Every structure is written in C-alpha cells, then in structure tokens.
Amino acid sequence: MDRDRLVGVWYHSIEEDQDDRLVYRGPGFEFPRSRAARDSITFHDDGTASAGSAGPVDAAQLEHGAWALDGETLTMDVGGVERTYEVESAAADALVLRRITQDGGR
C-alpha cells in the first residue's frame, strides 16, 4: 500500500459502511445532508493525524495523535485511543478500512 494515498482529509460516509468496513470520502464528495458534523480523519505526511467528531452541540471537535502504515495495516493513536485497520482500498475518491482492533472503549 502506498502511504501517500492516505495523506489528506477523509470524511466518514457512514451510509456506505458494512459491518466492520468503514468508508471515507474526500472533501469533494457530495454527501447527503446531515444535522451533525461528519466524523473525519486527517493523515498528515509527517505521521501526525487528527480525528474530528461531532461534539455535544453538534459542532466538530478535533483530537490529535499519530498514524503509521505497515503494508496494509494502518495504526492510529488519536486522543489516547489506539485503533488498527486493514486498508482494503485507497483511491482518490474513497478510502475503505476494515476495523481490526480498537483500544480504549470507544
């Protein structure tokens, strides 16, 4: 897996999720309207990451951390929660991850 394909901002397309498969889309994607802010992940080239989620008043709140890619295994430690995913595909228009583990109870 080419690490550069993950770098950028990705928004969770919850409507496309299936079981443990999570689908993320780039900023140009036409999402259906949503009352709350969409969850997002930003992978920076320097190995830092940030994750956005809807806060208590539906405003986005960001948590920061790090990410690493080993083959097709993506590890993120953001906001004190470590998550591991298999990258099923990373294209210009969609990032598809399969959840492997999540530590921290979230």
N, C-alpha and C. Protein backbone atom coordinates (compact mmCIF):
# COMPACT_ATOMS: atom_id res chain seq x y z
N MET A 1 0.85 -1.18 0.00
CA MET A 1 0.00 0.00 0.00
C MET A 1 0.89 1.24 0.00
N ASP A 2 0.60 2.15 -0.88
CA ASP A 2 1.35 3.41 -0.98
C ASP A 2 0.84 4.38 0.09
N ARG A 3 1.69 4.72 1.02
CA ARG A 3 1.37 5.59 2.15
C ARG A 3 0.79 6.93 1.68
N ASP A 4 1.30 7.46 0.58
CA ASP A 4 0.85 8.76 0.08
C ASP A 4 -0.63 8.78 -0.29
N ARG A 5 -1.20 7.62 -0.58
CA ARG A 5 -2.61 7.56 -0.96
C ARG A 5 -3.53 7.86 0.21
N LEU A 6 -3.01 7.75 1.46
CA LEU A 6 -3.82 8.03 2.64
C LEU A 6 -3.73 9.48 3.08
N VAL A 7 -2.64 10.15 2.73
CA VAL A 7 -2.41 11.51 3.21
C VAL A 7 -3.52 12.44 2.70
N GLY A 8 -4.11 13.17 3.63
CA GLY A 8 -5.17 14.12 3.30
C GLY A 8 -6.32 14.01 4.28
N VAL A 9 -7.41 14.68 3.93
CA VAL A 9 -8.61 14.70 4.76
C VAL A 9 -9.63 13.72 4.21
N TRP A 10 -10.21 12.92 5.11
CA TRP A 10 -11.22 11.93 4.74
C TRP A 10 -12.43 12.10 5.66
N TYR A 11 -13.64 12.08 5.09
CA TYR A 11 -14.88 12.22 5.85
C TYR A 11 -15.62 10.89 5.85
N HIS A 12 -16.13 10.52 7.02
CA HIS A 12 -16.81 9.23 7.18
C HIS A 12 -18.14 9.23 6.42
N SER A 13 -18.28 8.28 5.53
CA SER A 13 -19.51 8.10 4.77
C SER A 13 -20.28 6.95 5.39
N ILE A 14 -20.84 7.21 6.56
CA ILE A 14 -21.48 6.17 7.37
C ILE A 14 -22.57 5.42 6.59
N GLU A 15 -23.17 6.10 5.62
CA GLU A 15 -24.22 5.46 4.81
C GLU A 15 -23.68 4.28 4.01
N GLU A 16 -22.38 4.25 3.77
CA GLU A 16 -21.78 3.18 2.95
C GLU A 16 -21.11 2.09 3.79
N ASP A 17 -21.05 2.26 5.11
CA ASP A 17 -20.42 1.25 5.97
C ASP A 17 -21.16 -0.08 5.90
N GLN A 18 -20.41 -1.16 6.09
CA GLN A 18 -20.99 -2.50 6.17
C GLN A 18 -20.22 -3.27 7.23
N ASP A 19 -20.90 -3.66 8.31
CA ASP A 19 -20.28 -4.41 9.40
C ASP A 19 -19.03 -3.70 9.89
N ASP A 20 -17.85 -4.34 9.75
CA ASP A 20 -16.60 -3.75 10.24
C ASP A 20 -15.86 -2.96 9.15
N ARG A 21 -16.49 -2.74 8.00
CA ARG A 21 -15.92 -1.94 6.92
C ARG A 21 -16.38 -0.50 7.04
N LEU A 22 -15.43 0.42 7.08
CA LEU A 22 -15.72 1.84 7.19
C LEU A 22 -15.31 2.53 5.89
N VAL A 23 -16.18 3.38 5.38
CA VAL A 23 -15.92 4.07 4.12
C VAL A 23 -15.75 5.55 4.40
N TYR A 24 -14.68 6.11 3.85
CA TYR A 24 -14.38 7.54 3.96
C TYR A 24 -14.28 8.12 2.56
N ARG A 25 -14.70 9.37 2.43
CA ARG A 25 -14.67 10.06 1.14
C ARG A 25 -13.90 11.36 1.27
N GLY A 26 -13.38 11.84 0.16
CA GLY A 26 -12.63 13.08 0.14
C GLY A 26 -13.53 14.30 0.24
N PRO A 27 -12.93 15.48 0.39
CA PRO A 27 -13.70 16.71 0.60
C PRO A 27 -14.63 17.08 -0.54
N GLY A 28 -14.39 16.63 -1.76
CA GLY A 28 -15.25 16.99 -2.88
C GLY A 28 -16.48 16.13 -3.03
N PHE A 29 -16.64 15.12 -2.19
CA PHE A 29 -17.77 14.19 -2.32
C PHE A 29 -19.08 14.87 -1.91
N GLU A 30 -20.14 14.61 -2.66
CA GLU A 30 -21.47 15.18 -2.38
C GLU A 30 -22.21 14.27 -1.39
N PHE A 31 -22.07 14.57 -0.10
CA PHE A 31 -22.74 13.80 0.94
C PHE A 31 -24.20 14.22 1.07
N PRO A 32 -25.06 13.29 1.53
CA PRO A 32 -26.42 13.71 1.87
C PRO A 32 -26.36 14.67 3.06
N ARG A 33 -27.35 15.51 3.20
CA ARG A 33 -27.39 16.45 4.32
C ARG A 33 -27.40 15.69 5.64
N SER A 34 -26.75 16.31 6.63
CA SER A 34 -26.67 15.72 7.96
C SER A 34 -26.76 16.85 8.98
N ARG A 35 -27.46 16.60 10.06
CA ARG A 35 -27.61 17.62 11.10
C ARG A 35 -26.29 17.82 11.84
N ALA A 36 -25.62 16.74 12.13
CA ALA A 36 -24.36 16.79 12.89
C ALA A 36 -23.17 16.87 11.94
N ALA A 37 -22.05 17.33 12.48
CA ALA A 37 -20.80 17.33 11.72
C ALA A 37 -20.40 15.89 11.43
N ARG A 38 -19.83 15.65 10.26
CA ARG A 38 -19.36 14.31 9.90
C ARG A 38 -18.03 14.03 10.56
N ASP A 39 -17.85 12.78 11.02
CA ASP A 39 -16.54 12.37 11.53
C ASP A 39 -15.53 12.48 10.41
N SER A 40 -14.30 12.81 10.77
CA SER A 40 -13.25 12.94 9.76
C SER A 40 -11.93 12.42 10.32
N ILE A 41 -11.05 12.08 9.41
CA ILE A 41 -9.68 11.71 9.74
C ILE A 41 -8.78 12.50 8.80
N THR A 42 -7.73 13.08 9.36
CA THR A 42 -6.73 13.75 8.54
C THR A 42 -5.39 13.08 8.79
N PHE A 43 -4.80 12.55 7.74
CA PHE A 43 -3.48 11.94 7.81
C PHE A 43 -2.47 12.93 7.24
N HIS A 44 -1.56 13.37 8.08
CA HIS A 44 -0.52 14.30 7.64
C HIS A 44 0.71 13.51 7.22
N ASP A 45 1.45 14.04 6.26
CA ASP A 45 2.63 13.38 5.72
C ASP A 45 3.70 13.11 6.79
N ASP A 46 3.73 13.92 7.85
CA ASP A 46 4.75 13.75 8.89
C ASP A 46 4.41 12.68 9.92
N GLY A 47 3.30 11.93 9.72
CA GLY A 47 2.93 10.87 10.64
C GLY A 47 1.98 11.31 11.74
N THR A 48 1.61 12.59 11.76
CA THR A 48 0.61 13.03 12.71
C THR A 48 -0.77 12.87 12.09
N ALA A 49 -1.76 12.82 12.96
CA ALA A 49 -3.14 12.64 12.49
C ALA A 49 -4.06 13.44 13.39
N SER A 50 -5.23 13.74 12.87
CA SER A 50 -6.28 14.33 13.68
C SER A 50 -7.60 13.68 13.29
N ALA A 51 -8.46 13.55 14.28
CA ALA A 51 -9.78 12.96 14.05
C ALA A 51 -10.82 13.94 14.54
N GLY A 52 -11.80 14.22 13.70
CA GLY A 52 -12.88 15.12 14.07
C GLY A 52 -14.15 14.33 14.29
N SER A 53 -14.92 14.76 15.28
CA SER A 53 -16.21 14.12 15.55
C SER A 53 -17.17 15.19 16.05
N ALA A 54 -18.46 14.86 16.03
CA ALA A 54 -19.47 15.80 16.49
C ALA A 54 -19.39 15.91 18.01
N GLY A 55 -19.35 17.13 18.49
CA GLY A 55 -19.31 17.37 19.93
C GLY A 55 -20.71 17.45 20.51
N PRO A 56 -20.80 17.86 21.77
CA PRO A 56 -22.07 17.90 22.47
C PRO A 56 -23.13 18.79 21.82
N VAL A 57 -22.73 19.83 21.12
CA VAL A 57 -23.71 20.70 20.45
C VAL A 57 -23.60 20.56 18.93
N ASP A 58 -23.19 19.38 18.49
CA ASP A 58 -23.07 19.03 17.07
C ASP A 58 -21.98 19.80 16.33
N ALA A 59 -21.16 20.54 17.05
CA ALA A 59 -20.01 21.21 16.43
C ALA A 59 -18.85 20.23 16.41
N ALA A 60 -18.03 20.32 15.39
CA ALA A 60 -16.90 19.39 15.27
C ALA A 60 -15.86 19.68 16.35
N GLN A 61 -15.31 18.61 16.93
CA GLN A 61 -14.19 18.75 17.85
C GLN A 61 -13.08 17.84 17.37
N LEU A 62 -11.83 18.31 17.48
CA LEU A 62 -10.66 17.60 16.97
C LEU A 62 -9.83 17.01 18.08
N GLU A 63 -9.32 15.81 17.83
CA GLU A 63 -8.32 15.18 18.69
C GLU A 63 -7.12 14.88 17.83
N HIS A 64 -5.93 14.92 18.42
CA HIS A 64 -4.70 14.78 17.64
C HIS A 64 -3.90 13.57 18.11
N GLY A 65 -3.06 13.07 17.22
CA GLY A 65 -2.23 11.92 17.54
C GLY A 65 -1.31 11.58 16.39
N ALA A 66 -1.15 10.27 16.18
CA ALA A 66 -0.20 9.79 15.17
C ALA A 66 -0.80 8.62 14.39
N TRP A 67 -0.20 8.35 13.24
CA TRP A 67 -0.60 7.20 12.44
C TRP A 67 0.63 6.58 11.80
N ALA A 68 0.50 5.29 11.47
CA ALA A 68 1.58 4.56 10.79
C ALA A 68 0.95 3.52 9.89
N LEU A 69 1.63 3.22 8.80
CA LEU A 69 1.18 2.22 7.86
C LEU A 69 2.28 1.19 7.68
N ASP A 70 1.93 -0.08 7.90
CA ASP A 70 2.85 -1.19 7.72
C ASP A 70 2.20 -2.17 6.76
N GLY A 71 2.60 -2.13 5.51
CA GLY A 71 1.93 -2.94 4.49
C GLY A 71 0.53 -2.40 4.29
N GLU A 72 -0.47 -3.21 4.61
CA GLU A 72 -1.87 -2.79 4.52
C GLU A 72 -2.47 -2.56 5.89
N THR A 73 -1.65 -2.58 6.95
CA THR A 73 -2.13 -2.37 8.31
C THR A 73 -1.91 -0.93 8.74
N LEU A 74 -3.00 -0.25 9.03
CA LEU A 74 -2.98 1.13 9.48
C LEU A 74 -3.20 1.16 10.98
N THR A 75 -2.30 1.83 11.69
CA THR A 75 -2.45 2.01 13.14
C THR A 75 -2.57 3.49 13.42
N MET A 76 -3.58 3.84 14.21
CA MET A 76 -3.79 5.23 14.60
C MET A 76 -3.87 5.29 16.13
N ASP A 77 -3.22 6.28 16.70
CA ASP A 77 -3.36 6.57 18.13
C ASP A 77 -3.76 8.03 18.22
N VAL A 78 -5.05 8.27 18.35
CA VAL A 78 -5.58 9.62 18.35
C VAL A 78 -6.46 9.80 19.58
N GLY A 79 -6.21 10.85 20.34
CA GLY A 79 -7.00 11.12 21.53
C GLY A 79 -6.86 10.05 22.58
N GLY A 80 -5.72 9.36 22.61
CA GLY A 80 -5.49 8.31 23.60
C GLY A 80 -6.15 6.99 23.28
N VAL A 81 -6.73 6.87 22.09
CA VAL A 81 -7.37 5.62 21.67
C VAL A 81 -6.59 5.05 20.50
N GLU A 82 -6.10 3.82 20.65
CA GLU A 82 -5.37 3.17 19.56
C GLU A 82 -6.33 2.30 18.77
N ARG A 83 -6.27 2.46 17.45
CA ARG A 83 -7.12 1.69 16.54
C ARG A 83 -6.24 1.07 15.46
N THR A 84 -6.60 -0.13 15.03
CA THR A 84 -5.88 -0.81 13.96
C THR A 84 -6.87 -1.21 12.88
N TYR A 85 -6.51 -0.93 11.63
CA TYR A 85 -7.37 -1.23 10.49
C TYR A 85 -6.57 -1.93 9.40
N GLU A 86 -7.27 -2.68 8.58
CA GLU A 86 -6.71 -3.15 7.32
C GLU A 86 -7.20 -2.18 6.25
N VAL A 87 -6.30 -1.67 5.44
CA VAL A 87 -6.69 -0.79 4.34
C VAL A 87 -7.12 -1.68 3.18
N GLU A 88 -8.43 -1.72 2.93
CA GLU A 88 -8.95 -2.53 1.82
C GLU A 88 -8.71 -1.84 0.49
N SER A 89 -8.89 -0.52 0.47
CA SER A 89 -8.60 0.23 -0.75
C SER A 89 -8.39 1.70 -0.40
N ALA A 90 -7.56 2.32 -1.19
CA ALA A 90 -7.29 3.75 -1.03
C ALA A 90 -7.20 4.34 -2.42
N ALA A 91 -8.28 4.93 -2.86
CA ALA A 91 -8.34 5.56 -4.18
C ALA A 91 -8.55 7.05 -3.98
N ALA A 92 -8.49 7.80 -5.06
CA ALA A 92 -8.66 9.25 -4.97
C ALA A 92 -10.03 9.63 -4.42
N ASP A 93 -11.04 8.78 -4.68
CA ASP A 93 -12.41 9.14 -4.27
C ASP A 93 -12.92 8.40 -3.04
N ALA A 94 -12.19 7.38 -2.55
CA ALA A 94 -12.68 6.62 -1.40
C ALA A 94 -11.54 5.90 -0.68
N LEU A 95 -11.68 5.87 0.63
CA LEU A 95 -10.78 5.11 1.50
C LEU A 95 -11.64 4.11 2.24
N VAL A 96 -11.33 2.82 2.10
CA VAL A 96 -12.12 1.78 2.75
C VAL A 96 -11.22 1.05 3.74
N LEU A 97 -11.64 1.07 5.01
CA LEU A 97 -10.89 0.44 6.09
C LEU A 97 -11.73 -0.67 6.72
N ARG A 98 -11.05 -1.74 7.14
CA ARG A 98 -11.71 -2.80 7.90
C ARG A 98 -11.15 -2.77 9.30
N ARG A 99 -12.03 -2.57 10.27
CA ARG A 99 -11.61 -2.47 11.67
C ARG A 99 -11.04 -3.79 12.16
N ILE A 100 -9.84 -3.75 12.73
CA ILE A 100 -9.21 -4.92 13.32
C ILE A 100 -9.31 -4.84 14.83
N THR A 101 -8.82 -3.74 15.43
CA THR A 101 -8.89 -3.57 16.88
C THR A 101 -9.20 -2.13 17.22
N GLN A 102 -9.70 -1.95 18.43
CA GLN A 102 -9.91 -0.62 18.97
C GLN A 102 -9.71 -0.73 20.47
N ASP A 103 -8.75 0.02 20.99
CA ASP A 103 -8.45 0.01 22.42
C ASP A 103 -8.92 1.31 23.02
N GLY A 104 -9.45 1.25 24.21
CA GLY A 104 -9.84 2.48 24.89
C GLY A 104 -11.34 2.60 25.08
N GLY A 105 -12.11 1.62 24.65
CA GLY A 105 -13.53 1.60 24.92
C GLY A 105 -14.37 2.53 24.08
N ARG A 106 -13.85 3.07 23.00
CA ARG A 106 -14.66 3.94 22.13
C ARG A 106 -15.01 3.24 20.86
